[in-house]
Amino acid sequence: YASKAAQEQFGVTEPARGPLFSLQRVPSGSRLPAGHFMEIALETEVAFTIGKRIDRPVKDVAELKGCVRWVHAAFDAGDYPLVQGDTKPAAADMIACGAGGHVFVLGPAVEPKQVDVDAVSLKLIRNGQTIAESPATNVMGSPWNSLLWCVNHVVKLGGALEPGTVISTGTAAPAYKVKADAIKGSYVGDCGPLGQVTLTLY
């Protein structure tokens, strides 16, 4: 919930975070049955791979950039399987399910110095039609700011981030939320110079 659009959509007033595990990662280009989801919440995002162990607060984005190895285009394909029927999940429900984390997709690894992340536009395309497009700066003013918040939140609560940890920094636009047959489609997350991620749900 790192953008105003997502906070308004889900009824929260501040960012939140939840875990994603390696088993939840699917390769770009994957095909998954629509039945894998009860209600998909699909978002095109910017993700970062941590390059150095972080176990103390990071002062600012300039310092943070020295701790990042790669930047990626990404899909966060969320779901809320514990909420049944027409009931809408409350904020507590979403946090309890890892902020809705279900599967995620990473695009190609790009060196941070090779792209101006703040100049990227995050686009979601379904069956060849663009259904969402927003500047990356909708994410807390910069995906780097979202990453800084997440890193320092982990450290504040006594945790640490190890090299290879992936952090997806949140959507710039409302999530694409649909159920049943409307889930089906061929999706592209286009992040311009960061490349693309693709996912087909059938």
C-alpha atoms as a PDB file:
ATOM      1  CA  TYR A   1       0.000   0.000   0.000  1.00  0.00           C
ATOM      2  CA  ALA A   2       2.771   2.353  -1.004  1.00  0.00           C
ATOM      3  CA  SER A   3       0.670   4.682  -3.178  1.00  0.00           C
ATOM      4  CA  LYS A   4      -2.353   6.848  -2.409  1.00  0.00           C
ATOM      5  CA  ALA A   5      -4.322   4.932  -5.050  1.00  0.00           C
ATOM      6  CA  ALA A   6      -3.668   1.587  -3.345  1.00  0.00           C
ATOM      7  CA  GLN A   7      -4.348   2.992   0.123  1.00  0.00           C
ATOM      8  CA  GLU A   8      -7.699   4.343  -1.017  1.00  0.00           C
ATOM      9  CA  GLN A   9      -8.549   1.089  -2.794  1.00  0.00           C
ATOM     10  CA  PHE A  10      -7.845  -1.077   0.246  1.00  0.00           C
ATOM     11  CA  GLY A  11      -8.880   1.345   2.986  1.00  0.00           C
ATOM     12  CA  VAL A  12      -5.532   1.856   4.712  1.00  0.00           C
ATOM     13  CA  THR A  13      -3.639   5.033   5.555  1.00  0.00           C
ATOM     14  CA  GLU A  14      -0.010   3.914   5.550  1.00  0.00           C
ATOM     15  CA  PRO A  15       2.279   1.348   3.911  1.00  0.00           C
ATOM     16  CA  ALA A  16       2.401  -2.257   5.055  1.00  0.00           C
ATOM     17  CA  ARG A  17       4.606  -5.202   4.243  1.00  0.00           C
ATOM     18  CA  GLY A  18       4.312  -8.968   4.151  1.00  0.00           C
ATOM     19  CA  PRO A  19       6.578 -11.890   3.307  1.00  0.00           C
ATOM     20  CA  LEU A  20       7.064 -13.467  -0.086  1.00  0.00           C
ATOM     21  CA  PHE A  21       8.766 -16.863  -0.138  1.00  0.00           C
ATOM     22  CA  SER A  22      10.892 -18.414  -2.872  1.00  0.00           C
ATOM     23  CA  LEU A  23       8.173 -20.994  -3.604  1.00  0.00           C
ATOM     24  CA  GLN A  24       5.821 -18.139  -4.496  1.00  0.00           C
ATOM     25  CA  ARG A  25       8.043 -16.967  -7.343  1.00  0.00           C
ATOM     26  CA  VAL A  26       7.027 -18.053 -10.831  1.00  0.00           C
ATOM     27  CA  PRO A  27       9.114 -17.397 -13.953  1.00  0.00           C
ATOM     28  CA  SER A  28       8.106 -14.692 -16.385  1.00  0.00           C
ATOM     29  CA  GLY A  29       6.149 -16.325 -19.198  1.00  0.00           C
ATOM     30  CA  SER A  30       4.439 -18.809 -16.875  1.00  0.00           C
ATOM     31  CA  ARG A  31       0.934 -20.178 -17.444  1.00  0.00           C
ATOM     32  CA  LEU A  32      -1.218 -20.725 -14.366  1.00  0.00           C
ATOM     33  CA  PRO A  33      -4.825 -21.908 -14.040  1.00  0.00           C
ATOM     34  CA  ALA A  34      -7.217 -19.123 -13.063  1.00  0.00           C
ATOM     35  CA  GLY A  35      -8.429 -21.446 -10.295  1.00  0.00           C
ATOM     36  CA  HIS A  36      -5.096 -20.790  -8.586  1.00  0.00           C
ATOM     37  CA  PHE A  37      -6.757 -17.559  -7.382  1.00  0.00           C
ATOM     38  CA  MET A  38     -10.027 -16.784  -5.627  1.00  0.00           C
ATOM     39  CA  GLU A  39      -9.697 -13.094  -6.493  1.00  0.00           C
ATOM     40  CA  ILE A  40      -6.583 -11.809  -8.173  1.00  0.00           C
ATOM     41  CA  ALA A  41      -5.089  -8.443  -7.263  1.00  0.00           C
ATOM     42  CA  LEU A  42      -2.523  -7.963 -10.037  1.00  0.00           C
ATOM     43  CA  GLU A  43      -0.023  -5.107  -9.916  1.00  0.00           C
ATOM     44  CA  THR A  44       2.948  -4.032 -12.034  1.00  0.00           C
ATOM     45  CA  GLU A  45       5.732  -2.973  -9.682  1.00  0.00           C
ATOM     46  CA  VAL A  46       9.434  -2.196  -9.382  1.00  0.00           C
ATOM     47  CA  ALA A  47      11.427  -4.732  -7.377  1.00  0.00           C
ATOM     48  CA  PHE A  48      14.968  -4.646  -6.017  1.00  0.00           C
ATOM     49  CA  THR A  49      17.451  -7.386  -5.146  1.00  0.00           C
ATOM     50  CA  ILE A  50      19.558  -6.608  -2.085  1.00  0.00           C
ATOM     51  CA  GLY A  51      23.310  -6.962  -2.618  1.00  0.00           C
ATOM     52  CA  LYS A  52      24.693  -6.375   0.899  1.00  0.00           C
ATOM     53  CA  ARG A  53      23.478  -7.443   4.328  1.00  0.00           C
ATOM     54  CA  ILE A  54      21.439  -4.701   6.001  1.00  0.00           C
ATOM     55  CA  ASP A  55      21.105  -5.017   9.773  1.00  0.00           C
ATOM     56  CA  ARG A  56      21.067  -1.387  10.859  1.00  0.00           C
ATOM     57  CA  PRO A  57      19.010   1.673   9.832  1.00  0.00           C
ATOM     58  CA  VAL A  58      19.811   3.168   6.443  1.00  0.00           C
ATOM     59  CA  LYS A  59      20.049   6.961   6.520  1.00  0.00           C
ATOM     60  CA  ASP A  60      18.788   7.855   3.060  1.00  0.00           C
ATOM     61  CA  VAL A  61      18.328   6.702  -0.524  1.00  0.00           C
ATOM     62  CA  ALA A  62      21.900   7.605  -1.447  1.00  0.00           C
ATOM     63  CA  GLU A  63      23.204   5.179   1.176  1.00  0.00           C
ATOM     64  CA  LEU A  64      20.597   2.591   0.229  1.00  0.00           C
ATOM     65  CA  LYS A  65      21.678   2.515  -3.415  1.00  0.00           C
ATOM     66  CA  GLY A  66      25.021   1.093  -2.327  1.00  0.00           C
ATOM     67  CA  CYS A  67      23.197  -1.921  -0.852  1.00  0.00           C
ATOM     68  CA  VAL A  68      21.203  -2.844  -3.981  1.00  0.00           C
ATOM     69  CA  ARG A  69      22.463  -5.252  -6.634  1.00  0.00           C
ATOM     70  CA  TRP A  70      19.634  -5.348  -9.173  1.00  0.00           C
ATOM     71  CA  VAL A  71      16.386  -3.625 -10.091  1.00  0.00           C
ATOM     72  CA  HIS A  72      13.546  -5.423 -11.903  1.00  0.00           C
ATOM     73  CA  ALA A  73      10.144  -5.070 -13.472  1.00  0.00           C
ATOM     74  CA  ALA A  74       7.779  -7.252 -11.444  1.00  0.00           C
ATOM     75  CA  PHE A  75       4.254  -8.590 -11.061  1.00  0.00           C
ATOM     76  CA  ASP A  76       2.694  -8.944  -7.633  1.00  0.00           C
ATOM     77  CA  ALA A  77      -0.271 -11.270  -8.127  1.00  0.00           C
ATOM     78  CA  GLY A  78      -2.074 -11.164  -4.799  1.00  0.00           C
ATOM     79  CA  ASP A  79      -5.046 -13.081  -3.431  1.00  0.00           C
ATOM     80  CA  TYR A  80      -7.038 -13.241  -0.184  1.00  0.00           C
ATOM     81  CA  PRO A  81      -8.022 -16.930   0.125  1.00  0.00           C
ATOM     82  CA  LEU A  82      -9.178 -16.669   3.748  1.00  0.00           C
ATOM     83  CA  VAL A  83     -11.982 -14.216   2.896  1.00  0.00           C
ATOM     84  CA  GLN A  84     -15.024 -15.986   1.487  1.00  0.00           C
ATOM     85  CA  GLY A  85     -17.974 -14.898  -0.645  1.00  0.00           C
ATOM     86  CA  ASP A  86     -18.704 -11.203  -1.038  1.00  0.00           C
ATOM     87  CA  THR A  87     -16.960 -10.252   2.202  1.00  0.00           C
ATOM     88  CA  LYS A  88     -14.316  -7.593   1.667  1.00  0.00           C
ATOM     89  CA  PRO A  89     -11.053  -8.144   3.553  1.00  0.00           C
ATOM     90  CA  ALA A  90     -10.323  -5.632   6.268  1.00  0.00           C
ATOM     91  CA  ALA A  91      -6.831  -4.225   6.737  1.00  0.00           C
ATOM     92  CA  ALA A  92      -6.184  -6.787   9.489  1.00  0.00           C
ATOM     93  CA  ASP A  93      -7.190  -9.629   7.124  1.00  0.00           C
ATOM     94  CA  MET A  94      -4.798  -8.383   4.464  1.00  0.00           C
ATOM     95  CA  ILE A  95      -1.869  -8.088   6.851  1.00  0.00           C
ATOM     96  CA  ALA A  96      -2.616 -11.547   8.305  1.00  0.00           C
ATOM     97  CA  CYS A  97      -2.289 -13.040   4.799  1.00  0.00           C
ATOM     98  CA  GLY A  98       1.090 -11.416   4.212  1.00  0.00           C
ATOM     99  CA  ALA A  99      -0.433  -8.284   2.642  1.00  0.00           C
ATOM    100  CA  GLY A 100      -2.129 -10.568   0.132  1.00  0.00           C
ATOM    101  CA  GLY A 101       1.100 -12.081  -1.193  1.00  0.00           C
ATOM    102  CA  HIS A 102       0.339 -15.092  -3.436  1.00  0.00           C
ATOM    103  CA  VAL A 103       2.737 -15.310  -6.397  1.00  0.00           C
ATOM    104  CA  PHE A 104       5.248 -12.894  -7.861  1.00  0.00           C
ATOM    105  CA  VAL A 105       7.152 -12.599 -11.117  1.00  0.00           C
ATOM    106  CA  LEU A 106      10.520 -10.917 -11.651  1.00  0.00           C
ATOM    107  CA  GLY A 107      11.716  -9.442 -14.898  1.00  0.00           C
ATOM    108  CA  PRO A 108      15.330  -9.201 -16.062  1.00  0.00           C
ATOM    109  CA  ALA A 109      18.001  -8.027 -13.620  1.00  0.00           C
ATOM    110  CA  VAL A 110      19.139  -4.498 -14.440  1.00  0.00           C
ATOM    111  CA  GLU A 111      21.975  -2.637 -12.752  1.00  0.00           C
ATOM    112  CA  PRO A 112      20.537   0.331 -10.821  1.00  0.00           C
ATOM    113  CA  LYS A 113      22.962   2.768 -12.466  1.00  0.00           C
ATOM    114  CA  GLN A 114      21.631   1.836 -15.901  1.00  0.00           C
ATOM    115  CA  VAL A 115      18.090   3.121 -15.371  1.00  0.00           C
ATOM    116  CA  ASP A 116      16.389   6.109 -13.767  1.00  0.00           C
ATOM    117  CA  VAL A 117      13.740   4.246 -11.788  1.00  0.00           C
ATOM    118  CA  ASP A 118      11.843   7.457 -11.063  1.00  0.00           C
ATOM    119  CA  ALA A 119      11.367   8.105 -14.787  1.00  0.00           C
ATOM    120  CA  VAL A 120       9.763   4.688 -15.383  1.00  0.00           C
ATOM    121  CA  SER A 121       6.067   4.316 -16.154  1.00  0.00           C
ATOM    122  CA  LEU A 122       4.397   1.166 -14.786  1.00  0.00           C
ATOM    123  CA  LYS A 123       1.982  -0.312 -17.291  1.00  0.00           C
ATOM    124  CA  LEU A 124      -0.394  -3.282 -16.967  1.00  0.00           C
ATOM    125  CA  ILE A 125      -1.608  -4.812 -20.240  1.00  0.00           C
ATOM    126  CA  ARG A 126      -4.307  -7.492 -20.542  1.00  0.00           C
ATOM    127  CA  ASN A 127      -4.875  -9.246 -23.871  1.00  0.00           C
ATOM    128  CA  GLY A 128      -3.062  -6.445 -25.675  1.00  0.00           C
ATOM    129  CA  GLN A 129      -5.054  -3.642 -24.040  1.00  0.00           C
ATOM    130  CA  THR A 130      -3.498  -1.256 -21.514  1.00  0.00           C
ATOM    131  CA  ILE A 131      -5.667  -1.267 -18.395  1.00  0.00           C
ATOM    132  CA  ALA A 132      -3.422   0.752 -16.055  1.00  0.00           C
ATOM    133  CA  GLU A 133      -0.477   3.095 -16.492  1.00  0.00           C
ATOM    134  CA  SER A 134       1.051   5.313 -13.812  1.00  0.00           C
ATOM    135  CA  PRO A 135       4.434   6.904 -13.113  1.00  0.00           C
ATOM    136  CA  ALA A 136       6.655   5.044 -10.695  1.00  0.00           C
ATOM    137  CA  THR A 137       6.822   8.213  -8.623  1.00  0.00           C
ATOM    138  CA  ASN A 138       3.252   7.497  -7.462  1.00  0.00           C
ATOM    139  CA  VAL A 139       4.917   4.965  -5.147  1.00  0.00           C
ATOM    140  CA  MET A 140       5.824   7.162  -2.156  1.00  0.00           C
ATOM    141  CA  GLY A 141       7.420   9.707  -4.482  1.00  0.00           C
ATOM    142  CA  SER A 142       9.907   7.076  -5.677  1.00  0.00           C
ATOM    143  CA  PRO A 143      10.212   3.270  -5.484  1.00  0.00           C
ATOM    144  CA  TRP A 144      13.508   3.998  -3.721  1.00  0.00           C
ATOM    145  CA  ASN A 145      11.544   5.688  -0.912  1.00  0.00           C
ATOM    146  CA  SER A 146       9.322   2.625  -0.611  1.00  0.00           C
ATOM    147  CA  LEU A 147      12.381   0.385  -0.443  1.00  0.00           C
ATOM    148  CA  LEU A 148      13.937   2.628   2.217  1.00  0.00           C
ATOM    149  CA  TRP A 149      10.747   2.469   4.306  1.00  0.00           C
ATOM    150  CA  CYS A 150      10.616  -1.330   4.054  1.00  0.00           C
ATOM    151  CA  VAL A 151      14.292  -1.850   4.878  1.00  0.00           C
ATOM    152  CA  ASN A 152      14.138   0.394   7.927  1.00  0.00           C
ATOM    153  CA  HIS A 153      10.864  -1.163   9.092  1.00  0.00           C
ATOM    154  CA  VAL A 154      12.463  -4.622   9.030  1.00  0.00           C
ATOM    155  CA  VAL A 155      15.527  -3.395  10.936  1.00  0.00           C
ATOM    156  CA  LYS A 156      13.409  -1.453  13.448  1.00  0.00           C
ATOM    157  CA  LEU A 157      11.668  -4.689  14.436  1.00  0.00           C
ATOM    158  CA  GLY A 158      14.961  -6.527  14.906  1.00  0.00           C
ATOM    159  CA  GLY A 159      15.307  -8.169  11.512  1.00  0.00           C
ATOM    160  CA  ALA A 160      17.942  -8.046   8.802  1.00  0.00           C
ATOM    161  CA  LEU A 161      17.998  -8.302   5.015  1.00  0.00           C
ATOM    162  CA  GLU A 162      20.440 -10.732   3.439  1.00  0.00           C
ATOM    163  CA  PRO A 163      22.031 -10.542  -0.025  1.00  0.00           C
ATOM    164  CA  GLY A 164      19.634 -11.983  -2.582  1.00  0.00           C
ATOM    165  CA  THR A 165      16.519 -10.784  -0.763  1.00  0.00           C
ATOM    166  CA  VAL A 166      13.947  -9.417  -3.213  1.00  0.00           C
ATOM    167  CA  ILE A 167      11.686  -6.514  -2.250  1.00  0.00           C
ATOM    168  CA  SER A 168       8.765  -5.505  -4.435  1.00  0.00           C
ATOM    169  CA  THR A 169       7.946  -1.894  -3.700  1.00  0.00           C
ATOM    170  CA  GLY A 170       4.218  -1.561  -4.370  1.00  0.00           C
ATOM    171  CA  THR A 171       1.827  -0.507  -7.075  1.00  0.00           C
ATOM    172  CA  ALA A 172       1.567   2.982  -8.529  1.00  0.00           C
ATOM    173  CA  ALA A 173      -2.080   2.419  -9.550  1.00  0.00           C
ATOM    174  CA  PRO A 174      -5.055   0.564  -8.071  1.00  0.00           C
ATOM    175  CA  ALA A 175      -4.645  -3.206  -8.310  1.00  0.00           C
ATOM    176  CA  TYR A 176      -6.481  -5.040 -11.081  1.00  0.00           C
ATOM    177  CA  LYS A 177      -8.977  -6.938  -8.903  1.00  0.00           C
ATOM    178  CA  VAL A 178     -11.252  -9.513 -10.564  1.00  0.00           C
ATOM    179  CA  LYS A 179     -12.751 -12.931  -9.857  1.00  0.00           C
ATOM    180  CA  ALA A 180     -13.792 -16.085 -11.745  1.00  0.00           C
ATOM    181  CA  ASP A 181     -13.501 -16.026 -15.554  1.00  0.00           C
ATOM    182  CA  ALA A 182     -12.439 -12.369 -15.544  1.00  0.00           C
ATOM    183  CA  ILE A 183      -9.121 -13.548 -14.093  1.00  0.00           C
ATOM    184  CA  LYS A 184      -8.273 -15.302 -17.361  1.00  0.00           C
ATOM    185  CA  GLY A 185      -6.033 -13.481 -19.792  1.00  0.00           C
ATOM    186  CA  SER A 186      -2.532 -12.819 -21.046  1.00  0.00           C
ATOM    187  CA  TYR A 187      -0.854 -10.117 -18.957  1.00  0.00           C
ATOM    188  CA  VAL A 188       2.196  -7.952 -19.560  1.00  0.00           C
ATOM    189  CA  GLY A 189       3.828  -5.692 -17.009  1.00  0.00           C
ATOM    190  CA  ASP A 190       5.759  -3.144 -19.043  1.00  0.00           C
ATOM    191  CA  CYS A 191       8.293  -0.983 -17.210  1.00  0.00           C
ATOM    192  CA  GLY A 192       9.986   0.607 -20.210  1.00  0.00           C
ATOM    193  CA  PRO A 193      13.796   0.484 -19.793  1.00  0.00           C
ATOM    194  CA  LEU A 194      13.411  -2.078 -16.988  1.00  0.00           C
ATOM    195  CA  GLY A 195      11.840  -4.517 -19.425  1.00  0.00           C
ATOM    196  CA  GLN A 196       8.702  -6.609 -19.095  1.00  0.00           C
ATOM    197  CA  VAL A 197       7.172  -9.467 -17.140  1.00  0.00           C
ATOM    198  CA  THR A 198       4.476 -11.730 -18.597  1.00  0.00           C
ATOM    199  CA  LEU A 199       1.939 -14.090 -17.082  1.00  0.00           C
ATOM    200  CA  THR A 200      -0.919 -16.056 -18.647  1.00  0.00           C
ATOM    201  CA  LEU A 201      -3.903 -17.182 -16.566  1.00  0.00           C
ATOM    202  CA  TYR A 202      -6.187 -19.688 -18.264  1.00  0.00           C
END
